[in-house]
N, C-alpha and C. Protein backbone atom coordinates (compact mmCIF):
# COMPACT_ATOMS: atom_id res chain seq x y z
N MET A 1 1.04 -1.05 0.14
CA MET A 1 -0.21 0.26 0.11
C MET A 1 0.94 1.24 0.09
N PRO A 2 0.18 1.97 -1.10
CA PRO A 2 1.32 3.45 -1.02
C PRO A 2 1.45 4.52 0.34
N ASN A 3 2.57 5.23 0.96
CA ASN A 3 2.83 5.87 1.92
C ASN A 3 1.30 7.46 1.13
N THR A 4 0.89 8.06 1.86
CA THR A 4 0.10 9.00 2.13
C THR A 4 0.94 9.98 1.77
N LEU A 5 0.85 10.84 1.09
CA LEU A 5 2.07 12.64 1.30
C LEU A 5 2.07 12.64 2.60
N GLN A 6 1.71 12.81 3.42
CA GLN A 6 1.30 13.13 4.97
C GLN A 6 2.91 12.20 5.68
N GLU A 7 2.91 10.89 5.03
CA GLU A 7 3.91 10.20 5.70
C GLU A 7 5.25 9.73 5.10
N GLN A 8 4.73 10.56 4.07
CA GLN A 8 6.14 10.63 2.64
C GLN A 8 6.80 11.29 2.93
N LEU A 9 6.24 13.13 3.44
CA LEU A 9 6.79 14.50 4.05
C LEU A 9 7.16 14.01 5.27
N GLU A 10 6.33 13.31 6.25
CA GLU A 10 7.63 13.23 7.00
C GLU A 10 8.90 11.78 7.38
N ARG A 11 8.38 11.17 5.87
CA ARG A 11 9.48 10.37 6.31
C ARG A 11 11.07 10.86 5.70
N VAL A 12 10.84 12.26 4.40
CA VAL A 12 11.83 13.15 4.37
C VAL A 12 12.44 14.13 5.30
N GLU A 13 11.12 14.42 5.88
CA GLU A 13 11.90 15.24 7.28
C GLU A 13 12.48 14.76 7.90
N ARG A 14 12.83 13.57 8.68
CA ARG A 14 13.46 12.87 9.68
C ARG A 14 14.83 12.47 8.72
N GLU A 15 15.07 11.86 6.87
CA GLU A 15 15.74 11.70 6.43
C GLU A 15 16.86 13.03 6.39
N ILE A 16 16.32 14.19 6.20
CA ILE A 16 16.90 15.53 6.10
C ILE A 16 17.47 15.87 7.69
N LEU A 17 16.51 15.39 8.67
CA LEU A 17 17.06 16.26 10.18
C LEU A 17 18.54 14.69 10.22
N LEU A 18 18.02 14.03 9.87
CA LEU A 18 19.52 12.63 10.01
C LEU A 18 20.41 12.95 9.68
N TYR A 19 20.76 13.90 7.95
CA TYR A 19 21.86 14.60 7.13
C TYR A 19 22.38 15.36 8.20
N LEU A 20 21.29 16.62 8.22
CA LEU A 20 22.02 17.48 8.88
C LEU A 20 22.75 17.00 10.87
N GLU A 21 21.94 16.70 11.37
CA GLU A 21 23.01 16.11 12.72
C GLU A 21 24.32 15.19 12.03
N PHE A 22 24.08 14.08 11.39
CA PHE A 22 25.24 13.17 10.45
C PHE A 22 26.53 14.80 10.05
N ASP A 23 25.82 15.82 9.45
CA ASP A 23 26.90 16.93 8.79
C ASP A 23 27.30 17.81 10.21
N GLU A 24 26.91 18.08 10.83
CA GLU A 24 27.14 18.67 12.26
C GLU A 24 28.34 17.98 12.98
N ILE A 25 27.90 16.55 12.81
CA ILE A 25 29.09 15.78 13.43
C ILE A 25 30.58 15.57 12.61
N GLU A 26 29.85 15.40 11.76
CA GLU A 26 31.82 15.39 10.86
C GLU A 26 31.95 16.49 10.84
N LYS A 27 31.41 17.91 11.05
CA LYS A 27 32.17 19.31 11.19
C LYS A 27 32.82 18.70 11.92
N ALA A 28 32.36 18.81 13.20
CA ALA A 28 33.32 18.61 14.56
C ALA A 28 34.34 17.94 14.26
N ARG A 29 34.16 16.19 14.15
CA ARG A 29 35.23 15.47 13.66
C ARG A 29 36.56 15.86 12.74
N PHE A 30 36.18 16.78 11.90
CA PHE A 30 36.89 17.12 11.15
C PHE A 30 37.84 18.35 11.49
N ASP A 31 37.30 18.99 12.32
CA ASP A 31 37.61 20.48 13.35
C ASP A 31 38.79 19.48 14.47
N ARG A 32 38.33 18.59 14.91
CA ARG A 32 39.10 17.59 15.47
C ARG A 32 40.18 17.05 15.41
N GLU A 33 40.24 16.89 14.27
CA GLU A 33 41.04 15.33 13.31
C GLU A 33 42.06 15.69 12.22
N SER A 34 41.61 16.73 11.61
CA SER A 34 41.74 17.07 10.17
C SER A 34 43.26 17.11 10.19
N TYR A 35 43.88 17.74 11.32
CA TYR A 35 45.59 17.77 11.24
C TYR A 35 45.86 16.34 11.51
N LEU A 36 45.28 15.02 11.47
CA LEU A 36 46.24 14.53 11.27
C LEU A 36 45.81 13.29 10.63
N TRP A 37 45.18 14.04 9.11
CA TRP A 37 44.84 13.00 8.12
C TRP A 37 46.01 13.55 6.59
N THR A 38 45.92 12.58 6.45
CA THR A 38 46.78 12.21 4.96
C THR A 38 45.57 13.01 3.46
N ALA A 39 45.82 13.75 2.90
CA ALA A 39 45.85 14.47 2.23
C ALA A 39 44.81 13.51 1.31
N GLU A 40 44.46 12.11 1.14
CA GLU A 40 43.99 11.51 0.42
C GLU A 40 42.73 11.12 1.99
N ASP A 41 43.17 11.23 2.77
CA ASP A 41 41.82 11.31 3.77
C ASP A 41 40.59 12.75 3.63
N ARG A 42 41.61 13.38 3.73
CA ARG A 42 40.73 15.16 3.21
C ARG A 42 40.13 15.09 1.77
N ILE A 43 40.65 14.52 1.39
CA ILE A 43 40.04 14.52 -0.37
C ILE A 43 38.97 13.36 -0.09
N GLU A 44 38.88 12.37 0.73
CA GLU A 44 37.97 11.23 0.83
C GLU A 44 36.80 11.49 1.46
N TRP A 45 36.91 12.69 2.75
CA TRP A 45 36.27 13.60 3.13
C TRP A 45 35.58 13.85 2.79
N GLN A 46 36.03 14.69 2.24
CA GLN A 46 35.11 16.51 1.48
C GLN A 46 34.08 15.62 0.07
N GLU A 47 34.89 14.33 -0.48
CA GLU A 47 33.89 13.78 -1.22
C GLU A 47 33.09 13.08 -0.66
N ILE A 48 32.33 12.66 0.24
CA ILE A 48 31.33 12.52 1.13
C ILE A 48 30.38 13.78 1.95
N GLN A 49 31.55 14.52 2.22
CA GLN A 49 30.04 15.82 2.61
C GLN A 49 30.05 16.05 1.27
N ILE A 50 30.42 16.14 -0.04
CA ILE A 50 29.96 16.85 -1.50
C ILE A 50 28.72 15.62 -1.59
N GLY A 51 28.78 14.45 -1.55
CA GLY A 51 27.47 13.74 -1.62
C GLY A 51 26.26 13.48 -0.86
N ASN A 52 27.12 13.99 0.66
CA ASN A 52 25.98 13.71 1.40
C ASN A 52 25.21 15.62 1.11
N ALA A 53 25.97 16.74 0.37
CA ALA A 53 25.19 17.54 0.11
C ALA A 53 23.99 17.80 -1.11
N GLU A 54 24.47 17.10 -2.18
CA GLU A 54 23.79 16.42 -3.03
C GLU A 54 22.64 15.79 -2.53
N GLN A 55 22.50 14.58 -1.46
CA GLN A 55 21.22 14.29 -1.42
C GLN A 55 20.59 15.20 -0.26
N LEU A 56 21.21 16.10 0.02
CA LEU A 56 20.22 17.12 1.52
C LEU A 56 19.54 18.00 0.23
N ARG A 57 20.03 18.12 -0.76
CA ARG A 57 19.75 19.38 -1.73
C ARG A 57 18.49 18.24 -2.65
N ARG A 58 18.63 17.41 -2.94
CA ARG A 58 17.48 16.34 -3.22
C ARG A 58 16.65 15.84 -2.16
N LEU A 59 16.72 15.89 -1.25
CA LEU A 59 15.87 15.91 -0.18
C LEU A 59 14.76 17.28 -0.02
N LEU A 60 15.65 18.05 0.45
CA LEU A 60 15.25 19.41 0.53
C LEU A 60 14.08 20.29 -0.71
N ARG A 61 13.92 19.64 -1.94
CA ARG A 61 13.82 19.59 -3.07
C ARG A 61 12.61 18.98 -3.19
N GLU A 62 12.33 17.79 -2.65
CA GLU A 62 11.00 16.51 -2.39
C GLU A 62 10.46 16.87 -1.15
N ARG A 63 10.98 17.62 -0.16
CA ARG A 63 9.81 18.08 0.77
C ARG A 63 9.51 19.23 0.19
N GLU A 64 9.92 20.38 -0.21
CA GLU A 64 9.32 21.32 -1.01
C GLU A 64 7.83 21.05 -1.64
N ALA A 65 8.31 19.24 -3.24
CA ALA A 65 7.43 19.43 -4.07
C ALA A 65 5.54 18.67 -2.97
N LEU A 66 6.40 17.65 -2.08
CA LEU A 66 5.44 17.12 -1.26
C LEU A 66 4.36 17.88 -0.39
N ARG A 67 5.09 19.26 0.17
CA ARG A 67 4.43 20.25 0.77
C ARG A 67 3.41 21.09 -0.36
N ARG A 68 4.22 21.77 -1.72
CA ARG A 68 3.08 22.27 -2.39
C ARG A 68 2.01 21.02 -2.75
N ASN A 69 2.25 19.52 -2.88
CA ASN A 69 0.99 18.79 -3.01
C ASN A 69 -0.21 18.59 -2.38
N LEU A 70 0.93 19.13 -0.97
CA LEU A 70 -0.26 19.03 0.25
C LEU A 70 -0.97 20.45 0.53
N SER A 71 -0.40 21.50 0.42
CA SER A 71 -1.56 22.56 0.32
C SER A 71 -2.30 22.31 -0.12
N PRO A 72 -3.58 23.16 -0.07
CA PRO A 72 -4.97 23.43 -0.45
C PRO A 72 -5.29 24.46 -1.91
């Protein structure tokens, strides 16, 4: 049975919060540990951050579309 628009919106909002929390944790880790990292570690971290930012933008667009569909 497909989710209702409201359920989909709630799922997307939970995912957004998880990505934002992860981002905050990762930035704190970077501040604490990055001076110990190799150049390859820094590049890998940046690539992960880019991927997460792209996913977050996708989720934000999805949330906006769901909100538009729910509004009267």
